[in-house]
């Protein structure tokens, strides 16, 4: 016998069909379907709340992955969020429609002072959820408090010159060309107020406006500084020149240091361009002088708010002589 095996003497049983699983094994291999999105999981609300608190402690401005802020209509109210900015705005007399306080907010001196000033001014006090504040401030850090302000009423460009004439002062105006970040506008407003400028001029298109972010960065100084808006910045600069004002543009490619410009004591418009592109061609053509701020080569450019502050300081220094 092959292989030396020993026969058992019994015929081998033919294996018959076994009982099926009814498809259970196949269904087990298919898994449990698609993974549900985060907002459908039971832990999402606690995680979102923890992230929001951590974000406020870090001073962040927007949730990760949150879409960019949509442009508001001109007649929509704005919101200032944050304890220091809200208190500063109230102390500066910024017009306001309502003060929003989050439920169970940690009550410190800034919150108490804000509530006190709002009550004295007859501003409505509203207690809302933090989610409501998140929506009103569009994801900005609010620290449990926000102030609703009406849409800003812009001046006409000629009004800025009239303000200087009424004060018997030499006009000093700051114009913004391509500055799109409201925080830069707020910072420039702060410097303009500190160094005696009579107002800001912004284009009506492709430019930052007086929004909640600008109010917040300005630390309330926008309450004391007029902002004018022009449908065409180039035409507005031309009208200023016709009225006897000189125009100085700030640009890294300028050939004269801003401190050496001999027009700083004259009726003046200082034009600040964007950090990346600088001055536009048409605006540059309206400038009597294009000046630069001398900086070290390691720094390619200055933030628009910083550049405006340096130029305004130089103008104020020359005018004090």
C-alpha atoms as a PDB file:
ATOM      1  CA  UNK A   1       0.000   0.000   0.000  1.00  0.00           C
ATOM      2  CA  UNK A   2       1.261   3.360  -0.920  1.00  0.00           C
ATOM      3  CA  UNK A   3       2.752   5.476   1.852  1.00  0.00           C
ATOM      4  CA  UNK A   4       2.663   2.490   4.165  1.00  0.00           C
ATOM      5  CA  UNK A   5      -0.687   3.570   5.636  1.00  0.00           C
ATOM      6  CA  UNK A   6      -3.118   1.231   7.231  1.00  0.00           C
ATOM      7  CA  UNK A   7      -6.645   1.149   5.950  1.00  0.00           C
ATOM      8  CA  UNK A   8      -9.395   1.474   8.549  1.00  0.00           C
ATOM      9  CA  UNK A   9     -11.684  -0.772   6.624  1.00  0.00           C
ATOM     10  CA  UNK A  10     -14.468   1.850   6.670  1.00  0.00           C
ATOM     11  CA  UNK A  11     -15.472   3.905   3.646  1.00  0.00           C
ATOM     12  CA  UNK A  12     -14.677   7.643   4.001  1.00  0.00           C
ATOM     13  CA  UNK A  13     -17.681   9.826   4.776  1.00  0.00           C
ATOM     14  CA  UNK A  14     -18.440  12.456   2.201  1.00  0.00           C
ATOM     15  CA  UNK A  15     -18.718  15.864   3.847  1.00  0.00           C
ATOM     16  CA  UNK A  16     -22.139  17.338   3.232  1.00  0.00           C
ATOM     17  CA  UNK A  17     -23.140  20.983   3.085  1.00  0.00           C
ATOM     18  CA  UNK A  18     -22.742  22.847   6.407  1.00  0.00           C
ATOM     19  CA  UNK A  19     -25.214  25.288   7.894  1.00  0.00           C
ATOM     20  CA  UNK A  20     -24.671  28.824   6.601  1.00  0.00           C
ATOM     21  CA  UNK A  21     -24.185  31.993   8.682  1.00  0.00           C
ATOM     22  CA  UNK A  22     -26.992  33.804   6.997  1.00  0.00           C
ATOM     23  CA  UNK A  23     -24.584  36.515   5.765  1.00  0.00           C
ATOM     24  CA  UNK A  24     -23.527  37.517   9.283  1.00  0.00           C
ATOM     25  CA  UNK A  25     -19.850  37.052   8.503  1.00  0.00           C
ATOM     26  CA  UNK A  26     -20.085  39.191   5.382  1.00  0.00           C
ATOM     27  CA  UNK A  27     -21.948  41.928   7.221  1.00  0.00           C
ATOM     28  CA  UNK A  28     -19.324  41.861   9.940  1.00  0.00           C
ATOM     29  CA  UNK A  29     -16.645  42.511   7.358  1.00  0.00           C
ATOM     30  CA  UNK A  30     -18.601  45.465   5.960  1.00  0.00           C
ATOM     31  CA  UNK A  31     -18.158  47.455   9.180  1.00  0.00           C
ATOM     32  CA  UNK A  32     -20.642  49.901  10.667  1.00  0.00           C
ATOM     33  CA  UNK A  33     -20.828  52.416   7.844  1.00  0.00           C
ATOM     34  CA  UNK A  34     -19.223  55.832   7.403  1.00  0.00           C
ATOM     35  CA  UNK A  35     -17.663  57.557  10.422  1.00  0.00           C
ATOM     36  CA  UNK A  36     -20.103  60.224  11.676  1.00  0.00           C
ATOM     37  CA  UNK A  37     -18.930  63.848  11.568  1.00  0.00           C
ATOM     38  CA  UNK A  38     -17.544  65.325  14.776  1.00  0.00           C
ATOM     39  CA  UNK A  39     -20.618  67.416  15.529  1.00  0.00           C
ATOM     40  CA  UNK A  40     -22.754  64.237  15.694  1.00  0.00           C
ATOM     41  CA  UNK A  41     -20.627  62.559  18.353  1.00  0.00           C
ATOM     42  CA  UNK A  42     -21.617  62.634  22.001  1.00  0.00           C
ATOM     43  CA  UNK A  43     -18.429  64.350  23.191  1.00  0.00           C
ATOM     44  CA  UNK A  44     -18.455  67.185  20.656  1.00  0.00           C
ATOM     45  CA  UNK A  45     -20.090  69.922  22.762  1.00  0.00           C
ATOM     46  CA  UNK A  46     -17.712  69.417  25.688  1.00  0.00           C
ATOM     47  CA  UNK A  47     -14.715  69.383  23.340  1.00  0.00           C
ATOM     48  CA  UNK A  48     -15.874  72.536  21.532  1.00  0.00           C
ATOM     49  CA  UNK A  49     -16.365  74.344  24.832  1.00  0.00           C
ATOM     50  CA  UNK A  50     -12.883  73.326  26.020  1.00  0.00           C
ATOM     51  CA  UNK A  51     -11.330  74.530  22.760  1.00  0.00           C
ATOM     52  CA  UNK A  52     -13.167  77.857  22.971  1.00  0.00           C
ATOM     53  CA  UNK A  53     -11.922  78.501  26.510  1.00  0.00           C
ATOM     54  CA  UNK A  54      -8.369  77.571  25.532  1.00  0.00           C
ATOM     55  CA  UNK A  55      -8.606  79.825  22.472  1.00  0.00           C
ATOM     56  CA  UNK A  56      -9.700  82.776  24.595  1.00  0.00           C
ATOM     57  CA  UNK A  57      -6.859  82.182  27.023  1.00  0.00           C
ATOM     58  CA  UNK A  58      -4.370  82.143  24.124  1.00  0.00           C
ATOM     59  CA  UNK A  59      -5.902  85.250  22.596  1.00  0.00           C
ATOM     60  CA  UNK A  60      -6.757  83.610  19.270  1.00  0.00           C
ATOM     61  CA  UNK A  61      -9.182  85.263  16.877  1.00  0.00           C
ATOM     62  CA  UNK A  62     -10.964  82.490  14.992  1.00  0.00           C
ATOM     63  CA  UNK A  63     -11.720  78.792  15.201  1.00  0.00           C
ATOM     64  CA  UNK A  64      -9.513  76.475  13.155  1.00  0.00           C
ATOM     65  CA  UNK A  65     -11.171  75.770   9.818  1.00  0.00           C
ATOM     66  CA  UNK A  66     -13.751  78.520  10.267  1.00  0.00           C
ATOM     67  CA  UNK A  67     -14.610  80.289   6.984  1.00  0.00           C
ATOM     68  CA  UNK A  68     -13.469  83.856   6.498  1.00  0.00           C
ATOM     69  CA  UNK A  69     -15.705  86.608   7.751  1.00  0.00           C
ATOM     70  CA  UNK A  70     -18.329  87.632   5.236  1.00  0.00           C
ATOM     71  CA  UNK A  71     -18.706  91.276   4.339  1.00  0.00           C
ATOM     72  CA  UNK A  72     -21.527  92.952   6.243  1.00  0.00           C
ATOM     73  CA  UNK A  73     -24.005  95.254   4.584  1.00  0.00           C
ATOM     74  CA  UNK A  74     -23.403  98.944   5.200  1.00  0.00           C
ATOM     75  CA  UNK A  75     -26.469  99.262   7.434  1.00  0.00           C
ATOM     76  CA  UNK A  76     -25.720  96.235   9.643  1.00  0.00           C
ATOM     77  CA  UNK A  77     -24.603  96.782  13.258  1.00  0.00           C
ATOM     78  CA  UNK A  78     -21.085  95.881  14.347  1.00  0.00           C
ATOM     79  CA  UNK A  79     -19.921  94.130  17.506  1.00  0.00           C
ATOM     80  CA  UNK A  80     -16.894  94.777  19.704  1.00  0.00           C
ATOM     81  CA  UNK A  81     -15.840  91.726  21.708  1.00  0.00           C
ATOM     82  CA  UNK A  82     -13.441  91.437  24.639  1.00  0.00           C
ATOM     83  CA  UNK A  83     -13.403  92.916  28.131  1.00  0.00           C
ATOM     84  CA  UNK A  84     -10.753  95.596  27.609  1.00  0.00           C
ATOM     85  CA  UNK A  85     -12.035  96.746  24.187  1.00  0.00           C
ATOM     86  CA  UNK A  86     -15.651  96.922  25.385  1.00  0.00           C
ATOM     87  CA  UNK A  87     -14.741  98.904  28.496  1.00  0.00           C
ATOM     88  CA  UNK A  88     -12.493 101.262  26.508  1.00  0.00           C
ATOM     89  CA  UNK A  89     -15.255 101.842  23.954  1.00  0.00           C
ATOM     90  CA  UNK A  90     -17.803 102.609  26.659  1.00  0.00           C
ATOM     91  CA  UNK A  91     -15.410 104.946  28.456  1.00  0.00           C
ATOM     92  CA  UNK A  92     -14.689 106.745  25.154  1.00  0.00           C
ATOM     93  CA  UNK A  93     -18.397 107.329  24.577  1.00  0.00           C
ATOM     94  CA  UNK A  94     -18.708 105.116  21.520  1.00  0.00           C
ATOM     95  CA  UNK A  95     -22.393 105.024  20.489  1.00  0.00           C
ATOM     96  CA  UNK A  96     -23.858 101.636  21.374  1.00  0.00           C
ATOM     97  CA  UNK A  97     -27.195  99.885  21.108  1.00  0.00           C
ATOM     98  CA  UNK A  98     -26.788  96.952  23.495  1.00  0.00           C
ATOM     99  CA  UNK A  99     -24.321  95.260  25.829  1.00  0.00           C
ATOM    100  CA  UNK A 100     -24.332  91.448  25.646  1.00  0.00           C
ATOM    101  CA  UNK A 101     -23.182  89.454  28.660  1.00  0.00           C
ATOM    102  CA  UNK A 102     -22.680  85.683  28.576  1.00  0.00           C
ATOM    103  CA  UNK A 103     -24.543  83.527  31.064  1.00  0.00           C
ATOM    104  CA  UNK A 104     -22.466  82.595  34.123  1.00  0.00           C
ATOM    105  CA  UNK A 105     -19.640  84.872  33.007  1.00  0.00           C
ATOM    106  CA  UNK A 106     -16.713  85.334  35.395  1.00  0.00           C
ATOM    107  CA  UNK A 107     -17.442  88.738  36.874  1.00  0.00           C
ATOM    108  CA  UNK A 108     -14.339  90.918  37.190  1.00  0.00           C
ATOM    109  CA  UNK A 109     -13.855  94.690  37.508  1.00  0.00           C
ATOM    110  CA  UNK A 110     -13.967  95.222  33.748  1.00  0.00           C
ATOM    111  CA  UNK A 111     -17.312  93.460  33.387  1.00  0.00           C
ATOM    112  CA  UNK A 112     -18.775  95.285  36.389  1.00  0.00           C
ATOM    113  CA  UNK A 113     -17.544  98.665  35.132  1.00  0.00           C
ATOM    114  CA  UNK A 114     -18.925  97.974  31.653  1.00  0.00           C
ATOM    115  CA  UNK A 115     -22.333  97.083  33.064  1.00  0.00           C
ATOM    116  CA  UNK A 116     -22.300 100.195  35.265  1.00  0.00           C
ATOM    117  CA  UNK A 117     -21.434 102.558  32.394  1.00  0.00           C
ATOM    118  CA  UNK A 118     -23.975 100.910  30.081  1.00  0.00           C
ATOM    119  CA  UNK A 119     -26.695 101.274  32.711  1.00  0.00           C
ATOM    120  CA  UNK A 120     -25.828 104.941  33.269  1.00  0.00           C
ATOM    121  CA  UNK A 121     -25.987 105.603  29.505  1.00  0.00           C
ATOM    122  CA  UNK A 122     -29.274 103.741  29.093  1.00  0.00           C
ATOM    123  CA  UNK A 123     -27.750 101.014  26.920  1.00  0.00           C
ATOM    124  CA  UNK A 124     -29.750  97.782  26.899  1.00  0.00           C
ATOM    125  CA  UNK A 125     -28.220  94.895  28.880  1.00  0.00           C
ATOM    126  CA  UNK A 126     -28.844  91.440  27.444  1.00  0.00           C
ATOM    127  CA  UNK A 127     -27.824  88.081  28.912  1.00  0.00           C
ATOM    128  CA  UNK A 128     -27.139  85.509  26.188  1.00  0.00           C
ATOM    129  CA  UNK A 129     -25.401  82.178  25.707  1.00  0.00           C
ATOM    130  CA  UNK A 130     -21.776  81.949  24.666  1.00  0.00           C
ATOM    131  CA  UNK A 131     -22.893  80.359  21.403  1.00  0.00           C
ATOM    132  CA  UNK A 132     -24.936  83.478  20.690  1.00  0.00           C
ATOM    133  CA  UNK A 133     -21.901  85.660  21.373  1.00  0.00           C
ATOM    134  CA  UNK A 134     -19.814  83.441  19.084  1.00  0.00           C
ATOM    135  CA  UNK A 135     -22.281  84.107  16.273  1.00  0.00           C
ATOM    136  CA  UNK A 136     -22.541  87.847  16.911  1.00  0.00           C
ATOM    137  CA  UNK A 137     -18.780  88.341  16.972  1.00  0.00           C
ATOM    138  CA  UNK A 138     -18.249  85.838  14.126  1.00  0.00           C
ATOM    139  CA  UNK A 139     -15.815  83.675  16.048  1.00  0.00           C
ATOM    140  CA  UNK A 140     -13.687  86.478  17.505  1.00  0.00           C
ATOM    141  CA  UNK A 141     -12.522  86.249  21.116  1.00  0.00           C
ATOM    142  CA  UNK A 142     -15.188  87.968  23.227  1.00  0.00           C
ATOM    143  CA  UNK A 143     -14.399  86.762  26.787  1.00  0.00           C
ATOM    144  CA  UNK A 144     -18.104  86.638  27.551  1.00  0.00           C
ATOM    145  CA  UNK A 145     -18.939  90.245  26.663  1.00  0.00           C
ATOM    146  CA  UNK A 146     -19.736  92.170  23.473  1.00  0.00           C
ATOM    147  CA  UNK A 147     -20.967  95.636  22.589  1.00  0.00           C
ATOM    148  CA  UNK A 148     -23.306  96.327  19.686  1.00  0.00           C
ATOM    149  CA  UNK A 149     -22.518  99.532  17.821  1.00  0.00           C
ATOM    150  CA  UNK A 150     -24.422 101.133  14.945  1.00  0.00           C
ATOM    151  CA  UNK A 151     -22.949 101.275  11.432  1.00  0.00           C
ATOM    152  CA  UNK A 152     -20.351 104.006  11.108  1.00  0.00           C
ATOM    153  CA  UNK A 153     -21.329 107.278   9.452  1.00  0.00           C
ATOM    154  CA  UNK A 154     -18.449 108.266   7.202  1.00  0.00           C
ATOM    155  CA  UNK A 155     -17.527 111.879   6.548  1.00  0.00           C
ATOM    156  CA  UNK A 156     -16.992 113.476   3.144  1.00  0.00           C
ATOM    157  CA  UNK A 157     -13.269 113.906   2.316  1.00  0.00           C
ATOM    158  CA  UNK A 158     -13.621 117.715   2.328  1.00  0.00           C
ATOM    159  CA  UNK A 159     -14.876 117.631   5.925  1.00  0.00           C
ATOM    160  CA  UNK A 160     -11.437 116.568   7.153  1.00  0.00           C
ATOM    161  CA  UNK A 161      -9.925 119.768   5.797  1.00  0.00           C
ATOM    162  CA  UNK A 162     -12.746 121.795   7.329  1.00  0.00           C
ATOM    163  CA  UNK A 163     -12.040 120.238  10.748  1.00  0.00           C
ATOM    164  CA  UNK A 164      -8.454 121.495  10.575  1.00  0.00           C
ATOM    165  CA  UNK A 165      -9.539 124.938   9.418  1.00  0.00           C
ATOM    166  CA  UNK A 166     -12.109 125.217  12.214  1.00  0.00           C
ATOM    167  CA  UNK A 167      -9.355 124.394  14.713  1.00  0.00           C
ATOM    168  CA  UNK A 168      -7.016 126.925  13.047  1.00  0.00           C
ATOM    169  CA  UNK A 169      -4.478 124.148  12.454  1.00  0.00           C
ATOM    170  CA  UNK A 170      -2.461 122.971   9.466  1.00  0.00           C
ATOM    171  CA  UNK A 171      -4.302 119.984   7.943  1.00  0.00           C
ATOM    172  CA  UNK A 172      -2.809 116.538   8.495  1.00  0.00           C
ATOM    173  CA  UNK A 173      -4.713 113.635   6.944  1.00  0.00           C
ATOM    174  CA  UNK A 174      -3.861 109.955   6.551  1.00  0.00           C
ATOM    175  CA  UNK A 175      -5.117 108.097   3.465  1.00  0.00           C
ATOM    176  CA  UNK A 176      -5.099 104.305   3.130  1.00  0.00           C
ATOM    177  CA  UNK A 177      -4.385 102.646  -0.205  1.00  0.00           C
ATOM    178  CA  UNK A 178      -5.065  98.905  -0.300  1.00  0.00           C
ATOM    179  CA  UNK A 179      -5.094  98.429   3.495  1.00  0.00           C
ATOM    180  CA  UNK A 180      -7.677  95.687   3.937  1.00  0.00           C
ATOM    181  CA  UNK A 181      -7.183  94.568   7.551  1.00  0.00           C
ATOM    182  CA  UNK A 182      -9.527  96.439   9.955  1.00  0.00           C
ATOM    183  CA  UNK A 183      -6.970  95.943  12.722  1.00  0.00           C
ATOM    184  CA  UNK A 184      -4.475  98.000  10.723  1.00  0.00           C
ATOM    185  CA  UNK A 185      -7.085 100.718  10.305  1.00  0.00           C
ATOM    186  CA  UNK A 186      -7.672 100.708  14.055  1.00  0.00           C
ATOM    187  CA  UNK A 187      -3.949 100.894  14.786  1.00  0.00           C
ATOM    188  CA  UNK A 188      -3.507 103.770  12.320  1.00  0.00           C
ATOM    189  CA  UNK A 189      -6.435 105.589  13.925  1.00  0.00           C
ATOM    190  CA  UNK A 190      -4.717 105.238  17.280  1.00  0.00           C
ATOM    191  CA  UNK A 191      -1.480 106.738  15.935  1.00  0.00           C
ATOM    192  CA  UNK A 192      -3.364 109.452  14.052  1.00  0.00           C
ATOM    193  CA  UNK A 193      -5.102 110.523  17.250  1.00  0.00           C
ATOM    194  CA  UNK A 194      -1.861 110.455  19.231  1.00  0.00           C
ATOM    195  CA  UNK A 195       0.010 112.664  16.735  1.00  0.00           C
ATOM    196  CA  UNK A 196      -2.720 115.177  15.960  1.00  0.00           C
ATOM    197  CA  UNK A 197      -4.056 114.078  12.570  1.00  0.00           C
ATOM    198  CA  UNK A 198      -7.446 115.444  11.571  1.00  0.00           C
ATOM    199  CA  UNK A 199      -8.841 112.270  10.064  1.00  0.00           C
ATOM    200  CA  UNK A 200      -8.467 109.169   7.935  1.00  0.00           C
ATOM    201  CA  UNK A 201      -9.465 108.727   4.305  1.00  0.00           C
ATOM    202  CA  UNK A 202     -10.350 105.237   3.011  1.00  0.00           C
ATOM    203  CA  UNK A 203     -11.636 104.052  -0.377  1.00  0.00           C
ATOM    204  CA  UNK A 204     -15.128 102.597  -0.460  1.00  0.00           C
ATOM    205  CA  UNK A 205     -13.920  99.461  -2.276  1.00  0.00           C
ATOM    206  CA  UNK A 206     -11.150  96.952  -1.571  1.00  0.00           C
ATOM    207  CA  UNK A 207     -10.315  98.607   1.713  1.00  0.00           C
ATOM    208  CA  UNK A 208     -10.857  98.105   5.410  1.00  0.00           C
ATOM    209  CA  UNK A 209     -13.710 100.043   6.948  1.00  0.00           C
ATOM    210  CA  UNK A 210     -14.729 101.029  10.451  1.00  0.00           C
ATOM    211  CA  UNK A 211     -15.821  97.616  11.709  1.00  0.00           C
ATOM    212  CA  UNK A 212     -15.889  96.016  15.138  1.00  0.00           C
ATOM    213  CA  UNK A 213     -12.311  94.855  14.605  1.00  0.00           C
ATOM    214  CA  UNK A 214     -11.196  98.409  13.834  1.00  0.00           C
ATOM    215  CA  UNK A 215     -12.988  99.783  16.898  1.00  0.00           C
ATOM    216  CA  UNK A 216     -11.373  97.112  19.031  1.00  0.00           C
ATOM    217  CA  UNK A 217      -7.817  97.836  17.856  1.00  0.00           C
ATOM    218  CA  UNK A 218      -8.281 101.595  18.032  1.00  0.00           C
ATOM    219  CA  UNK A 219      -8.864 101.379  21.802  1.00  0.00           C
ATOM    220  CA  UNK A 220     -11.762 103.820  21.503  1.00  0.00           C
ATOM    221  CA  UNK A 221      -9.835 106.505  19.590  1.00  0.00           C
ATOM    222  CA  UNK A 222     -12.170 106.189  16.594  1.00  0.00           C
ATOM    223  CA  UNK A 223     -14.751 107.946  18.754  1.00  0.00           C
ATOM    224  CA  UNK A 224     -12.617 111.097  18.511  1.00  0.00           C
ATOM    225  CA  UNK A 225     -11.286 110.800  14.952  1.00  0.00           C
ATOM    226  CA  UNK A 226     -13.300 111.270  11.781  1.00  0.00           C
ATOM    227  CA  UNK A 227     -13.014 108.754   8.965  1.00  0.00           C
ATOM    228  CA  UNK A 228     -13.989 109.824   5.464  1.00  0.00           C
ATOM    229  CA  UNK A 229     -14.723 107.515   2.574  1.00  0.00           C
ATOM    230  CA  UNK A 230     -14.146 108.204  -1.111  1.00  0.00           C
ATOM    231  CA  UNK A 231     -15.562 106.295  -4.055  1.00  0.00           C
ATOM    232  CA  UNK A 232     -12.303 107.028  -5.914  1.00  0.00           C
ATOM    233  CA  UNK A 233      -9.151 107.533  -3.850  1.00  0.00           C
ATOM    234  CA  UNK A 234      -7.141 108.940  -6.763  1.00  0.00           C
ATOM    235  CA  UNK A 235      -9.773 111.585  -7.482  1.00  0.00           C
ATOM    236  CA  UNK A 236      -9.994 112.485  -3.794  1.00  0.00           C
ATOM    237  CA  UNK A 237      -6.217 112.989  -3.609  1.00  0.00           C
ATOM    238  CA  UNK A 238      -6.364 115.161  -6.718  1.00  0.00           C
ATOM    239  CA  UNK A 239      -9.041 117.323  -5.066  1.00  0.00           C
ATOM    240  CA  UNK A 240      -6.875 117.649  -1.956  1.00  0.00           C
ATOM    241  CA  UNK A 241      -3.977 118.857  -4.100  1.00  0.00           C
ATOM    242  CA  UNK A 242      -6.256 121.362  -5.827  1.00  0.00           C
ATOM    243  CA  UNK A 243      -7.212 122.630  -2.354  1.00  0.00           C
ATOM    244  CA  UNK A 244      -3.560 123.303  -1.527  1.00  0.00           C
ATOM    245  CA  UNK A 245      -2.534 120.115   0.282  1.00  0.00           C
ATOM    246  CA  UNK A 246       0.624 118.180  -0.505  1.00  0.00           C
ATOM    247  CA  UNK A 247       0.578 114.378  -0.817  1.00  0.00           C
ATOM    248  CA  UNK A 248       3.370 112.164   0.531  1.00  0.00           C
ATOM    249  CA  UNK A 249       3.283 108.464  -0.270  1.00  0.00           C
ATOM    250  CA  UNK A 250       5.039 105.882   1.893  1.00  0.00           C
ATOM    251  CA  UNK A 251       6.817 103.201  -0.088  1.00  0.00           C
ATOM    252  CA  UNK A 252       9.976 101.178   0.388  1.00  0.00           C
ATOM    253  CA  UNK A 253      11.063 102.125  -3.130  1.00  0.00           C
ATOM    254  CA  UNK A 254      11.037 105.842  -2.290  1.00  0.00           C
ATOM    255  CA  UNK A 255      14.218 107.853  -2.764  1.00  0.00           C
ATOM    256  CA  UNK A 256      13.848 110.195   0.240  1.00  0.00           C
ATOM    257  CA  UNK A 257      13.779 109.271   3.925  1.00  0.00           C
ATOM    258  CA  UNK A 258      10.506 110.368   5.479  1.00  0.00           C
ATOM    259  CA  UNK A 259      12.341 112.363   8.154  1.00  0.00           C
ATOM    260  CA  UNK A 260      14.092 114.438   5.449  1.00  0.00           C
ATOM    261  CA  UNK A 261      10.946 115.474   3.561  1.00  0.00           C
ATOM    262  CA  UNK A 262      10.655 119.266   3.685  1.00  0.00           C
ATOM    263  CA  UNK A 263       6.856 119.270   3.300  1.00  0.00           C
ATOM    264  CA  UNK A 264       6.002 117.861   6.741  1.00  0.00           C
ATOM    265  CA  UNK A 265       5.017 121.263   8.137  1.00  0.00           C
ATOM    266  CA  UNK A 266       2.730 122.031   5.155  1.00  0.00           C
ATOM    267  CA  UNK A 267      -0.939 121.056   4.713  1.00  0.00           C
ATOM    268  CA  UNK A 268      -0.409 117.354   4.207  1.00  0.00           C
ATOM    269  CA  UNK A 269      -1.876 114.013   3.226  1.00  0.00           C
ATOM    270  CA  UNK A 270       0.198 110.927   4.126  1.00  0.00           C
ATOM    271  CA  UNK A 271      -0.734 107.921   2.012  1.00  0.00           C
ATOM    272  CA  UNK A 272      -0.063 104.470   3.485  1.00  0.00           C
ATOM    273  CA  UNK A 273      -0.018 101.541   1.074  1.00  0.00           C
ATOM    274  CA  UNK A 274      -0.508  97.855   1.739  1.00  0.00           C
ATOM    275  CA  UNK A 275       2.307  95.885   3.332  1.00  0.00           C
ATOM    276  CA  UNK A 276       2.752  93.617   0.338  1.00  0.00           C
ATOM    277  CA  UNK A 277       1.989  95.697  -2.777  1.00  0.00           C
ATOM    278  CA  UNK A 278       2.739  99.178  -1.501  1.00  0.00           C
ATOM    279  CA  UNK A 279       1.205 102.118  -3.357  1.00  0.00           C
ATOM    280  CA  UNK A 280      -0.859 101.555  -6.475  1.00  0.00           C
ATOM    281  CA  UNK A 281       0.365 103.160  -9.688  1.00  0.00           C
ATOM    282  CA  UNK A 282      -2.447 105.714  -9.944  1.00  0.00           C
ATOM    283  CA  UNK A 283      -2.052 106.801  -6.330  1.00  0.00           C
ATOM    284  CA  UNK A 284       1.718 107.083  -6.735  1.00  0.00           C
ATOM    285  CA  UNK A 285       1.174 109.464  -9.643  1.00  0.00           C
ATOM    286  CA  UNK A 286      -0.756 111.811  -7.338  1.00  0.00           C
ATOM    287  CA  UNK A 287       2.075 112.000  -4.785  1.00  0.00           C
ATOM    288  CA  UNK A 288       4.325 115.055  -4.600  1.00  0.00           C
ATOM    289  CA  UNK A 289       6.941 112.926  -2.835  1.00  0.00           C
ATOM    290  CA  UNK A 290       7.327 109.166  -2.397  1.00  0.00           C
ATOM    291  CA  UNK A 291       9.252 108.631   0.837  1.00  0.00           C
ATOM    292  CA  UNK A 292      10.674 105.578   2.539  1.00  0.00           C
ATOM    293  CA  UNK A 293      11.233 104.626   6.142  1.00  0.00           C
ATOM    294  CA  UNK A 294      14.853 103.436   6.493  1.00  0.00           C
ATOM    295  CA  UNK A 295      14.956  99.955   8.027  1.00  0.00           C
ATOM    296  CA  UNK A 296      17.457  97.127   8.326  1.00  0.00           C
ATOM    297  CA  UNK A 297      17.706  94.798   5.355  1.00  0.00           C
ATOM    298  CA  UNK A 298      16.614  91.822   7.458  1.00  0.00           C
ATOM    299  CA  UNK A 299      13.112  93.321   7.625  1.00  0.00           C
ATOM    300  CA  UNK A 300      11.607  93.493   4.156  1.00  0.00           C
ATOM    301  CA  UNK A 301       8.799  95.872   5.090  1.00  0.00           C
ATOM    302  CA  UNK A 302       6.856  97.375   7.962  1.00  0.00           C
ATOM    303  CA  UNK A 303       3.289  96.711   8.958  1.00  0.00           C
ATOM    304  CA  UNK A 304       0.989  99.453   7.622  1.00  0.00           C
ATOM    305  CA  UNK A 305       0.045 100.522  11.143  1.00  0.00           C
ATOM    306  CA  UNK A 306       3.692 100.811  12.207  1.00  0.00           C
ATOM    307  CA  UNK A 307       4.657 102.711   9.041  1.00  0.00           C
ATOM    308  CA  UNK A 308       1.848 105.207   9.571  1.00  0.00           C
ATOM    309  CA  UNK A 309       2.904 105.720  13.190  1.00  0.00           C
ATOM    310  CA  UNK A 310       6.516 106.459  12.200  1.00  0.00           C
ATOM    311  CA  UNK A 311       5.498 108.946   9.492  1.00  0.00           C
ATOM    312  CA  UNK A 312       2.998 110.690  11.770  1.00  0.00           C
ATOM    313  CA  UNK A 313       5.617 111.005  14.491  1.00  0.00           C
ATOM    314  CA  UNK A 314       8.011 112.656  12.040  1.00  0.00           C
ATOM    315  CA  UNK A 315       5.296 115.079  10.937  1.00  0.00           C
ATOM    316  CA  UNK A 316       4.437 115.937  14.540  1.00  0.00           C
ATOM    317  CA  UNK A 317       8.148 116.380  15.407  1.00  0.00           C
ATOM    318  CA  UNK A 318       8.716 118.814  12.531  1.00  0.00           C
ATOM    319  CA  UNK A 319       5.593 120.787  13.405  1.00  0.00           C
ATOM    320  CA  UNK A 320       6.734 121.276  17.007  1.00  0.00           C
ATOM    321  CA  UNK A 321       9.945 123.017  15.922  1.00  0.00           C
END
